[in-house]
N, C-alpha and C. Protein backbone atom coordinates (compact mmCIF):
# COMPACT_ATOMS: atom_id res chain seq x y z
N MET A 1 -107.08 74.09 23.35
CA MET A 1 -105.93 73.69 23.09
C MET A 1 -105.56 72.37 22.55
N ARG A 2 -104.82 71.76 21.98
CA ARG A 2 -104.83 70.85 20.97
C ARG A 2 -103.53 70.66 20.93
N TRP A 3 -102.58 69.35 21.88
CA TRP A 3 -101.53 69.03 21.90
C TRP A 3 -101.23 67.13 22.19
N PRO A 4 -101.29 66.26 21.03
CA PRO A 4 -101.34 65.68 21.15
C PRO A 4 -100.21 64.44 22.09
N GLY A 5 -100.55 63.75 22.48
CA GLY A 5 -99.31 62.93 23.74
C GLY A 5 -99.74 63.94 24.82
N THR A 6 -99.76 65.09 25.05
CA THR A 6 -99.34 65.98 26.31
C THR A 6 -100.62 66.46 26.46
N ILE A 7 -101.58 66.46 26.21
CA ILE A 7 -102.98 67.17 26.32
C ILE A 7 -104.13 66.34 26.34
N GLU A 8 -104.52 65.86 27.13
CA GLU A 8 -105.61 64.41 27.36
C GLU A 8 -107.12 65.19 26.78
N PRO A 9 -107.18 64.98 24.97
CA PRO A 9 -108.63 64.69 24.66
C PRO A 9 -109.82 64.68 26.08
N GLY A 10 -110.86 66.18 25.22
CA GLY A 10 -111.85 66.21 26.64
C GLY A 10 -111.38 66.96 27.68
N SER A 11 -110.39 67.10 27.97
CA SER A 11 -109.77 67.67 29.27
C SER A 11 -110.65 69.43 29.47
N THR A 12 -110.52 69.84 30.71
CA THR A 12 -110.78 71.28 30.63
C THR A 12 -109.99 71.35 32.36
N ASN A 13 -110.29 72.69 32.09
CA ASN A 13 -109.49 73.21 33.40
C ASN A 13 -110.14 74.67 33.77
N ASP A 14 -110.78 74.57 34.82
CA ASP A 14 -111.48 76.41 35.38
C ASP A 14 -110.48 76.92 35.71
N GLN A 15 -109.50 77.05 36.02
CA GLN A 15 -108.78 78.22 36.42
C GLN A 15 -107.77 79.37 35.27
N ILE A 16 -107.71 80.68 36.07
CA ILE A 16 -107.93 81.58 35.11
C ILE A 16 -106.13 81.63 34.72
N THR A 17 -106.68 81.61 33.42
CA THR A 17 -104.87 81.98 32.21
C THR A 17 -105.54 82.85 31.59
N GLY A 18 -103.98 83.44 30.99
CA GLY A 18 -104.60 84.92 29.60
C GLY A 18 -103.22 84.35 29.05
N ILE A 19 -103.29 85.47 28.16
CA ILE A 19 -102.16 86.07 27.04
C ILE A 19 -101.46 86.19 27.51
N ILE A 20 -101.14 86.93 28.60
CA ILE A 20 -99.66 86.80 29.58
C ILE A 20 -98.91 85.87 29.89
N ASP A 21 -99.95 84.59 29.92
CA ASP A 21 -98.59 83.74 30.31
C ASP A 21 -98.35 82.60 29.27
N LEU A 22 -98.69 83.28 27.87
CA LEU A 22 -98.23 82.40 26.68
C LEU A 22 -96.32 82.25 26.62
N LEU A 23 -95.99 83.27 27.00
CA LEU A 23 -94.43 83.76 26.98
C LEU A 23 -93.93 82.71 28.02
N PRO A 24 -94.24 82.84 29.55
CA PRO A 24 -93.46 81.53 29.96
C PRO A 24 -94.57 80.60 29.54
N THR A 25 -95.10 79.93 29.17
CA THR A 25 -95.23 79.01 28.83
C THR A 25 -94.28 78.51 27.67
N PHE A 26 -94.35 78.66 26.90
CA PHE A 26 -93.56 78.85 25.66
C PHE A 26 -91.79 78.15 25.90
N CYS A 27 -91.82 79.13 26.73
CA CYS A 27 -90.60 78.93 27.66
C CYS A 27 -89.82 77.82 28.19
N ALA A 28 -91.17 77.45 28.72
CA ALA A 28 -91.14 76.02 29.75
C ALA A 28 -91.22 75.28 28.65
N ILE A 29 -92.14 74.85 28.14
CA ILE A 29 -91.57 74.09 26.78
C ILE A 29 -91.17 73.92 25.92
N ALA A 30 -89.60 74.88 25.37
CA ALA A 30 -88.92 75.30 24.60
C ALA A 30 -87.67 74.25 25.41
N GLY A 31 -87.92 74.65 27.31
CA GLY A 31 -86.66 74.68 28.20
C GLY A 31 -86.09 75.16 28.63
N VAL A 32 -86.27 76.86 28.41
CA VAL A 32 -85.32 77.70 28.48
C VAL A 32 -86.11 78.72 29.47
N ASP A 33 -85.28 79.56 30.17
CA ASP A 33 -85.75 80.94 31.19
C ASP A 33 -86.80 81.91 30.46
N SER A 34 -87.79 82.07 31.23
CA SER A 34 -88.33 83.45 31.06
C SER A 34 -87.33 85.01 30.56
N PRO A 35 -87.44 85.45 29.80
CA PRO A 35 -86.91 86.59 29.94
C PRO A 35 -85.98 87.49 31.69
N GLY A 36 -85.01 87.71 31.82
CA GLY A 36 -84.70 87.96 33.48
C GLY A 36 -84.35 89.59 33.26
N ASP A 37 -84.59 90.33 31.98
CA ASP A 37 -83.98 91.61 32.03
C ASP A 37 -85.48 92.61 32.24
N ARG A 38 -86.72 91.91 32.70
CA ARG A 38 -87.75 92.70 32.85
C ARG A 38 -89.08 92.32 33.36
N VAL A 39 -89.96 92.59 33.91
CA VAL A 39 -90.74 92.00 34.83
C VAL A 39 -91.67 91.05 33.68
N ILE A 40 -91.95 89.78 34.09
CA ILE A 40 -92.54 88.56 33.41
C ILE A 40 -94.17 88.79 34.38
N ASP A 41 -95.43 89.47 33.99
CA ASP A 41 -96.59 89.05 34.79
C ASP A 41 -97.15 87.56 34.77
N GLY A 42 -96.93 87.01 33.40
CA GLY A 42 -97.87 85.84 33.49
C GLY A 42 -96.46 84.85 33.73
N ARG A 43 -97.37 83.31 34.03
CA ARG A 43 -96.99 82.20 34.35
C ARG A 43 -97.17 80.84 33.11
N SER A 44 -95.92 80.42 33.80
CA SER A 44 -95.93 78.93 32.63
C SER A 44 -97.32 77.99 33.12
N ILE A 45 -98.34 77.65 32.43
CA ILE A 45 -99.63 77.06 32.61
C ILE A 45 -99.27 75.64 32.45
N LEU A 46 -98.05 75.30 31.41
CA LEU A 46 -97.54 73.37 31.13
C LEU A 46 -98.51 72.67 32.07
N PRO A 47 -98.22 73.33 33.28
CA PRO A 47 -98.78 72.06 34.80
C PRO A 47 -100.33 71.84 34.11
N TYR A 48 -100.95 72.72 33.67
CA TYR A 48 -102.58 72.74 33.64
C TYR A 48 -102.28 72.14 31.96
N MET A 49 -101.74 72.07 31.07
CA MET A 49 -102.48 71.88 30.09
C MET A 49 -101.79 70.51 30.34
N ARG A 50 -101.29 70.08 31.16
CA ARG A 50 -100.42 68.08 31.26
C ARG A 50 -101.50 67.65 32.01
N GLY A 51 -102.31 68.43 33.07
CA GLY A 51 -103.45 67.82 33.45
C GLY A 51 -102.66 67.13 34.92
N GLU A 52 -101.80 68.10 35.72
CA GLU A 52 -101.02 68.18 36.65
C GLU A 52 -101.51 68.55 38.06
N LYS A 53 -101.78 67.70 38.96
CA LYS A 53 -102.10 68.02 40.10
C LYS A 53 -101.61 69.54 40.79
N VAL A 54 -102.27 70.80 41.15
CA VAL A 54 -101.49 71.34 40.76
C VAL A 54 -101.53 71.89 42.32
N GLU A 55 -100.49 72.36 43.95
CA GLU A 55 -101.28 72.24 45.13
C GLU A 55 -102.48 74.33 45.30
N LYS A 56 -101.86 74.95 44.44
CA LYS A 56 -102.82 76.27 44.58
C LYS A 56 -102.81 77.01 42.77
N PRO A 57 -103.78 77.75 42.77
CA PRO A 57 -103.74 78.16 41.43
C PRO A 57 -102.71 78.99 41.08
N ILE A 58 -102.07 79.09 40.00
CA ILE A 58 -100.87 79.92 38.97
C ILE A 58 -101.43 81.35 39.27
N HIS A 59 -102.02 81.65 39.55
CA HIS A 59 -102.56 83.11 39.51
C HIS A 59 -103.93 82.99 40.33
N GLU A 60 -103.24 83.27 41.81
CA GLU A 60 -104.44 83.69 42.68
C GLU A 60 -105.42 84.68 42.66
N SER A 61 -104.92 85.90 41.58
CA SER A 61 -105.97 87.34 41.70
C SER A 61 -105.24 87.43 39.82
N PHE A 62 -106.06 87.98 39.81
CA PHE A 62 -105.73 88.50 38.13
C PHE A 62 -106.54 90.22 37.81
N ILE A 63 -105.11 90.60 37.40
CA ILE A 63 -105.82 92.01 37.38
C ILE A 63 -105.51 93.06 36.69
N VAL A 64 -106.77 93.13 35.31
CA VAL A 64 -105.97 93.97 34.50
C VAL A 64 -106.09 95.76 35.50
N PRO A 65 -104.84 96.77 34.90
CA PRO A 65 -104.65 97.75 35.87
C PRO A 65 -105.77 98.65 35.37
N GLY A 66 -105.92 99.57 36.18
CA GLY A 66 -107.19 99.60 36.90
C GLY A 66 -108.48 99.86 35.79
N SER A 67 -108.71 98.62 35.93
CA SER A 67 -110.03 98.10 35.23
C SER A 67 -110.71 96.82 36.07
N VAL A 68 -110.27 95.91 36.06
CA VAL A 68 -111.14 94.53 36.52
C VAL A 68 -110.06 93.90 37.28
N ILE A 69 -110.37 93.21 38.68
CA ILE A 69 -109.47 92.67 39.71
C ILE A 69 -110.15 91.17 39.91
N ARG A 70 -109.82 89.95 39.66
CA ARG A 70 -110.36 88.84 39.73
C ARG A 70 -110.11 87.91 41.06
N HIS A 71 -110.40 87.91 41.79
CA HIS A 71 -109.47 86.98 43.41
C HIS A 71 -110.58 86.07 43.77
N GLY A 72 -110.07 84.63 43.30
CA GLY A 72 -110.76 83.53 43.89
C GLY A 72 -112.52 83.39 42.98
N GLN A 73 -113.54 83.79 43.86
CA GLN A 73 -114.74 83.38 43.53
C GLN A 73 -115.33 85.37 43.55
N TRP A 74 -114.39 86.35 43.38
CA TRP A 74 -114.67 87.63 43.56
C TRP A 74 -114.03 88.28 42.37
N LYS A 75 -114.66 89.24 41.77
CA LYS A 75 -114.53 89.88 40.92
C LYS A 75 -114.59 91.43 40.96
N LEU A 76 -114.03 92.34 40.84
CA LEU A 76 -114.33 93.89 41.06
C LEU A 76 -114.26 94.41 39.81
N LEU A 77 -114.95 95.10 39.85
CA LEU A 77 -114.56 96.16 38.43
C LEU A 77 -114.51 97.54 39.01
N VAL A 78 -113.08 97.95 38.52
CA VAL A 78 -112.47 99.09 39.24
C VAL A 78 -112.73 100.47 38.32
N ARG A 79 -113.39 100.15 36.72
CA ARG A 79 -113.90 101.22 35.90
C ARG A 79 -115.28 100.75 35.87
N ASP A 80 -115.94 101.74 35.51
CA ASP A 80 -117.72 101.69 34.66
C ASP A 80 -117.48 100.40 33.70
N LEU A 81 -117.92 99.06 33.32
CA LEU A 81 -117.60 98.36 32.73
C LEU A 81 -119.04 97.35 32.64
N THR A 82 -119.22 97.11 31.11
CA THR A 82 -120.18 95.99 31.08
C THR A 82 -119.91 94.74 31.91
N PRO A 83 -120.96 94.22 32.72
CA PRO A 83 -120.31 92.87 33.31
C PRO A 83 -120.43 91.59 32.57
N GLY A 84 -119.83 90.74 32.48
CA GLY A 84 -119.69 89.24 31.57
C GLY A 84 -118.23 89.61 30.65
N GLY A 85 -117.61 90.91 30.26
CA GLY A 85 -116.82 90.40 29.97
C GLY A 85 -117.19 91.07 28.10
N LYS A 86 -116.50 90.60 26.86
CA LYS A 86 -116.69 90.84 25.75
C LYS A 86 -117.03 89.61 25.01
N SER A 87 -118.53 89.03 25.69
CA SER A 87 -118.80 87.51 25.23
C SER A 87 -120.46 87.75 24.29
N GLY A 88 -119.93 89.24 23.48
CA GLY A 88 -121.51 89.54 22.75
C GLY A 88 -122.26 89.91 23.33
N ARG A 89 -122.42 90.22 24.51
CA ARG A 89 -123.42 90.64 25.04
C ARG A 89 -123.67 92.02 25.31
N GLU A 90 -122.54 92.88 24.89
CA GLU A 90 -122.41 94.20 25.45
C GLU A 90 -123.60 95.52 25.32
N GLY A 91 -124.44 95.39 23.76
CA GLY A 91 -125.52 96.06 23.63
C GLY A 91 -126.37 95.67 24.58
N LYS A 92 -127.11 94.40 25.39
CA LYS A 92 -127.75 93.35 25.69
C LYS A 92 -127.89 93.87 27.61
N ARG A 93 -126.86 94.83 27.67
CA ARG A 93 -126.80 94.62 29.17
C ARG A 93 -126.08 95.96 29.70
N PRO A 94 -126.39 96.66 30.48
CA PRO A 94 -126.20 97.88 31.04
C PRO A 94 -124.64 97.89 31.31
N SER A 95 -123.99 99.06 31.71
CA SER A 95 -123.19 99.14 32.35
C SER A 95 -123.29 99.12 33.80
N ALA A 96 -121.57 98.46 34.45
CA ALA A 96 -122.21 98.03 35.78
C ALA A 96 -120.92 99.25 36.06
N PRO A 97 -121.14 99.91 37.14
CA PRO A 97 -120.55 100.96 37.67
C PRO A 97 -119.25 100.94 38.37
N ALA A 98 -118.40 101.33 38.38
CA ALA A 98 -116.99 100.90 39.35
C ALA A 98 -117.70 100.68 40.51
N GLY A 99 -116.85 99.87 41.58
CA GLY A 99 -117.20 99.40 42.46
C GLY A 99 -117.90 98.55 42.30
N SER A 100 -118.51 97.85 41.85
CA SER A 100 -119.49 96.53 41.60
C SER A 100 -119.12 95.49 41.72
N LEU A 101 -118.98 94.60 43.04
CA LEU A 101 -118.53 93.51 43.18
C LEU A 101 -118.98 92.59 42.70
N PHE A 102 -118.76 91.15 41.95
CA PHE A 102 -119.56 90.08 41.63
C PHE A 102 -119.17 88.82 42.37
N ASN A 103 -119.65 87.66 42.86
CA ASN A 103 -119.44 86.77 43.67
C ASN A 103 -119.74 85.90 42.14
N LEU A 104 -118.36 85.12 42.05
CA LEU A 104 -118.78 84.08 40.44
C LEU A 104 -118.89 83.49 40.80
N GLN A 105 -119.22 82.72 41.99
CA GLN A 105 -119.54 80.98 42.45
C GLN A 105 -121.12 80.44 42.43
N VAL A 106 -121.43 81.93 42.75
CA VAL A 106 -123.40 81.49 42.53
C VAL A 106 -123.38 82.44 41.45
N ASP A 107 -122.58 83.44 40.84
CA ASP A 107 -123.27 84.09 39.94
C ASP A 107 -122.42 84.25 39.05
N PRO A 108 -122.14 83.73 37.74
CA PRO A 108 -121.33 83.28 36.78
C PRO A 108 -121.79 84.12 35.83
N GLY A 109 -122.76 84.80 35.69
CA GLY A 109 -123.51 85.73 34.81
C GLY A 109 -123.00 87.42 35.03
N GLU A 110 -122.62 87.17 36.55
CA GLU A 110 -122.43 88.53 36.67
C GLU A 110 -123.30 89.36 36.66
N THR A 111 -124.97 88.99 37.13
CA THR A 111 -125.76 90.14 37.38
C THR A 111 -126.09 90.67 38.78
N ARG A 112 -125.89 89.86 39.52
CA ARG A 112 -125.97 90.93 40.69
C ARG A 112 -125.12 91.65 42.11
N ASP A 113 -124.64 92.57 41.71
CA ASP A 113 -123.50 93.84 42.21
C ASP A 113 -123.92 93.32 44.15
N VAL A 114 -122.80 92.66 44.30
CA VAL A 114 -122.68 92.72 45.95
C VAL A 114 -121.74 93.46 46.80
N SER A 115 -121.12 93.89 46.60
CA SER A 115 -120.38 95.12 47.14
C SER A 115 -120.86 95.59 48.40
N ALA A 116 -122.15 96.13 48.38
CA ALA A 116 -122.84 96.40 49.82
C ALA A 116 -122.70 95.62 50.46
N ASP A 117 -123.16 94.28 50.06
CA ASP A 117 -123.19 93.08 51.29
C ASP A 117 -121.48 92.92 52.08
N HIS A 118 -120.31 92.63 51.22
CA HIS A 118 -119.05 92.80 51.30
C HIS A 118 -117.72 93.77 51.31
N PRO A 119 -118.44 95.28 52.12
CA PRO A 119 -117.39 96.30 51.70
C PRO A 119 -115.97 95.70 52.09
N GLU A 120 -115.69 95.24 52.82
CA GLU A 120 -114.41 94.20 53.37
C GLU A 120 -114.03 93.75 52.10
N ILE A 121 -114.41 92.74 51.43
CA ILE A 121 -113.29 91.90 49.67
C ILE A 121 -113.29 93.33 49.57
N VAL A 122 -114.69 94.31 49.23
CA VAL A 122 -114.05 95.49 47.94
C VAL A 122 -113.00 96.73 48.84
N ALA A 123 -113.07 95.90 49.91
CA ALA A 123 -111.52 96.89 50.41
C ALA A 123 -110.22 96.41 49.72
N ASP A 124 -110.41 94.91 50.28
CA ASP A 124 -108.72 94.52 50.24
C ASP A 124 -108.91 94.24 48.67
N LEU A 125 -109.29 94.07 47.55
CA LEU A 125 -109.61 94.09 46.23
C LEU A 125 -108.91 95.35 45.34
N ARG A 126 -109.58 96.38 46.67
CA ARG A 126 -108.70 98.23 45.58
C ARG A 126 -107.55 97.87 46.42
N ARG A 127 -107.27 97.06 47.60
CA ARG A 127 -105.74 97.47 48.35
C ARG A 127 -104.74 97.02 47.25
N GLN A 128 -105.44 95.43 46.84
CA GLN A 128 -104.34 94.70 45.78
C GLN A 128 -104.46 95.25 44.47
N MET A 129 -105.75 96.25 43.57
CA MET A 129 -105.34 96.88 42.69
C MET A 129 -103.87 98.26 42.38
N ASP A 130 -104.18 99.31 43.77
CA ASP A 130 -103.29 99.55 43.99
C ASP A 130 -101.93 99.48 44.03
N ALA A 131 -101.78 98.03 44.76
CA ALA A 131 -100.52 97.60 45.01
C ALA A 131 -99.57 97.31 43.14
N ALA A 132 -101.03 96.64 43.08
CA ALA A 132 -100.46 96.26 41.15
C ALA A 132 -100.47 97.26 40.61
N VAL A 133 -101.64 98.16 40.56
CA VAL A 133 -100.47 99.70 39.67
C VAL A 133 -99.81 100.17 39.98
N ARG A 134 -99.64 100.31 41.50
CA ARG A 134 -97.26 100.78 41.28
C ARG A 134 -96.89 99.98 41.32
N GLU A 135 -97.15 98.31 41.16
CA GLU A 135 -96.22 97.61 40.36
C GLU A 135 -95.88 98.11 39.56
N PHE A 136 -96.89 98.28 38.60
CA PHE A 136 -97.09 98.23 36.75
C PHE A 136 -96.31 99.23 36.61
N GLU A 137 -96.32 100.84 37.29
CA GLU A 137 -95.99 101.69 36.86
C GLU A 137 -94.54 102.01 37.34
N SER A 138 -94.25 101.02 38.24
CA SER A 138 -92.86 100.91 38.62
C SER A 138 -91.52 100.21 37.55
N ASN A 139 -92.23 99.20 37.16
CA ASN A 139 -91.57 98.72 35.99
C ASN A 139 -91.90 98.89 34.60
N SER A 140 -92.73 100.18 34.13
CA SER A 140 -93.07 100.76 32.65
C SER A 140 -91.82 101.08 32.07
N ARG A 141 -91.74 101.02 30.62
CA ARG A 141 -90.64 102.16 30.10
C ARG A 141 -91.50 102.65 28.96
N PRO A 142 -90.56 103.84 28.76
CA PRO A 142 -91.05 104.48 27.28
C PRO A 142 -91.30 103.03 26.21
N ILE A 143 -91.91 102.97 25.49
CA ILE A 143 -91.82 102.21 23.94
C ILE A 143 -90.59 103.05 23.57
N GLY A 144 -89.82 101.21 23.24
CA GLY A 144 -88.63 101.33 22.48
C GLY A 144 -87.63 101.00 23.02
N ARG A 145 -87.45 101.77 24.72
CA ARG A 145 -86.60 101.97 25.50
C ARG A 145 -86.08 100.87 26.06
N LEU A 146 -85.13 99.89 25.70
CA LEU A 146 -84.19 98.82 25.99
C LEU A 146 -83.87 98.88 27.42
N PRO A 147 -84.43 97.57 28.19
CA PRO A 147 -83.48 97.48 29.76
C PRO A 147 -82.25 97.75 29.98
N SER A 148 -81.22 98.28 30.43
CA SER A 148 -80.27 98.45 30.66
C SER A 148 -79.88 98.08 32.23
N ALA A 149 -78.31 97.59 32.68
CA ALA A 149 -77.93 97.51 33.89
C ALA A 149 -78.25 98.54 35.06
N GLU A 150 -78.41 99.71 34.36
CA GLU A 150 -78.16 100.40 35.08
C GLU A 150 -80.16 100.97 35.86
N ASP A 151 -80.72 100.35 34.70
CA ASP A 151 -81.97 100.50 34.98
C ASP A 151 -82.48 100.35 36.65
N PRO A 152 -83.35 100.92 37.72
CA PRO A 152 -83.76 100.72 38.31
C PRO A 152 -84.99 99.41 38.21
N ALA A 153 -85.62 99.91 37.49
CA ALA A 153 -86.56 98.68 37.22
C ALA A 153 -85.94 97.12 36.46
N THR A 154 -85.04 97.21 36.15
CA THR A 154 -84.22 96.18 35.79
C THR A 154 -83.66 95.26 36.92
N LYS A 155 -82.70 96.15 37.66
CA LYS A 155 -82.10 95.88 38.99
C LYS A 155 -83.50 95.33 39.69
N LYS A 156 -84.36 95.91 39.67
CA LYS A 156 -85.47 95.23 40.87
C LYS A 156 -86.12 94.36 40.64
N ASN A 157 -86.56 93.54 39.10
CA ASN A 157 -86.43 92.86 38.56
C ASN A 157 -86.16 91.51 38.57
N ARG A 158 -84.86 91.50 38.50
CA ARG A 158 -83.07 90.81 38.26
C ARG A 158 -83.33 90.09 40.28
N LYS A 159 -83.80 91.30 41.09
CA LYS A 159 -83.69 90.97 42.68
C LYS A 159 -84.81 89.77 42.64
N LYS A 160 -86.36 90.40 42.59
CA LYS A 160 -87.25 89.91 42.25
C LYS A 160 -86.82 88.07 41.50
N ARG A 161 -86.74 88.28 40.73
CA ARG A 161 -86.55 86.70 39.78
C ARG A 161 -85.75 86.16 40.76
N SER A 162 -84.51 86.34 41.44
CA SER A 162 -83.69 85.71 42.05
C SER A 162 -84.36 84.75 43.47
N LYS A 163 -85.50 85.25 43.76
CA LYS A 163 -85.70 84.54 44.86
C LYS A 163 -87.05 83.82 44.14
N GLN A 164 -87.35 83.96 43.34
CA GLN A 164 -88.72 82.55 42.68
C GLN A 164 -87.68 81.39 42.57
């Protein structure tokens, strides 16, 4: 990223962020609230951009529903995937089976499945994934349908946002 006067040249950040964080970040930059009529999964990464000290990561877990969950040093594949993501290595590495667990702190290249050594972590990450999928499904709506005051997902989101 480049933002003269805000982002220090040469600065780095190793925290997890994603495209889901763009809307809340742009809203924070503009000084407006994120939309309150729907669930917004992302968080503003403006503190990271400014180089501010953050007590705990903006995202404790990063979840792609039904696909992968990253929590701290751990990454669990929930379906068959090529380890390492889309970094140009797809044709060179075999797919890893669903349930593969990687310790990114010691194996950032995702070369060794350690699920057999850490069944408790696999179980915990699966529970987190299941909860995230349930929440995702309860807050989704058909394409083209605007949220309404009567919509249960809208009511739930307003309650959730008022607690934040």
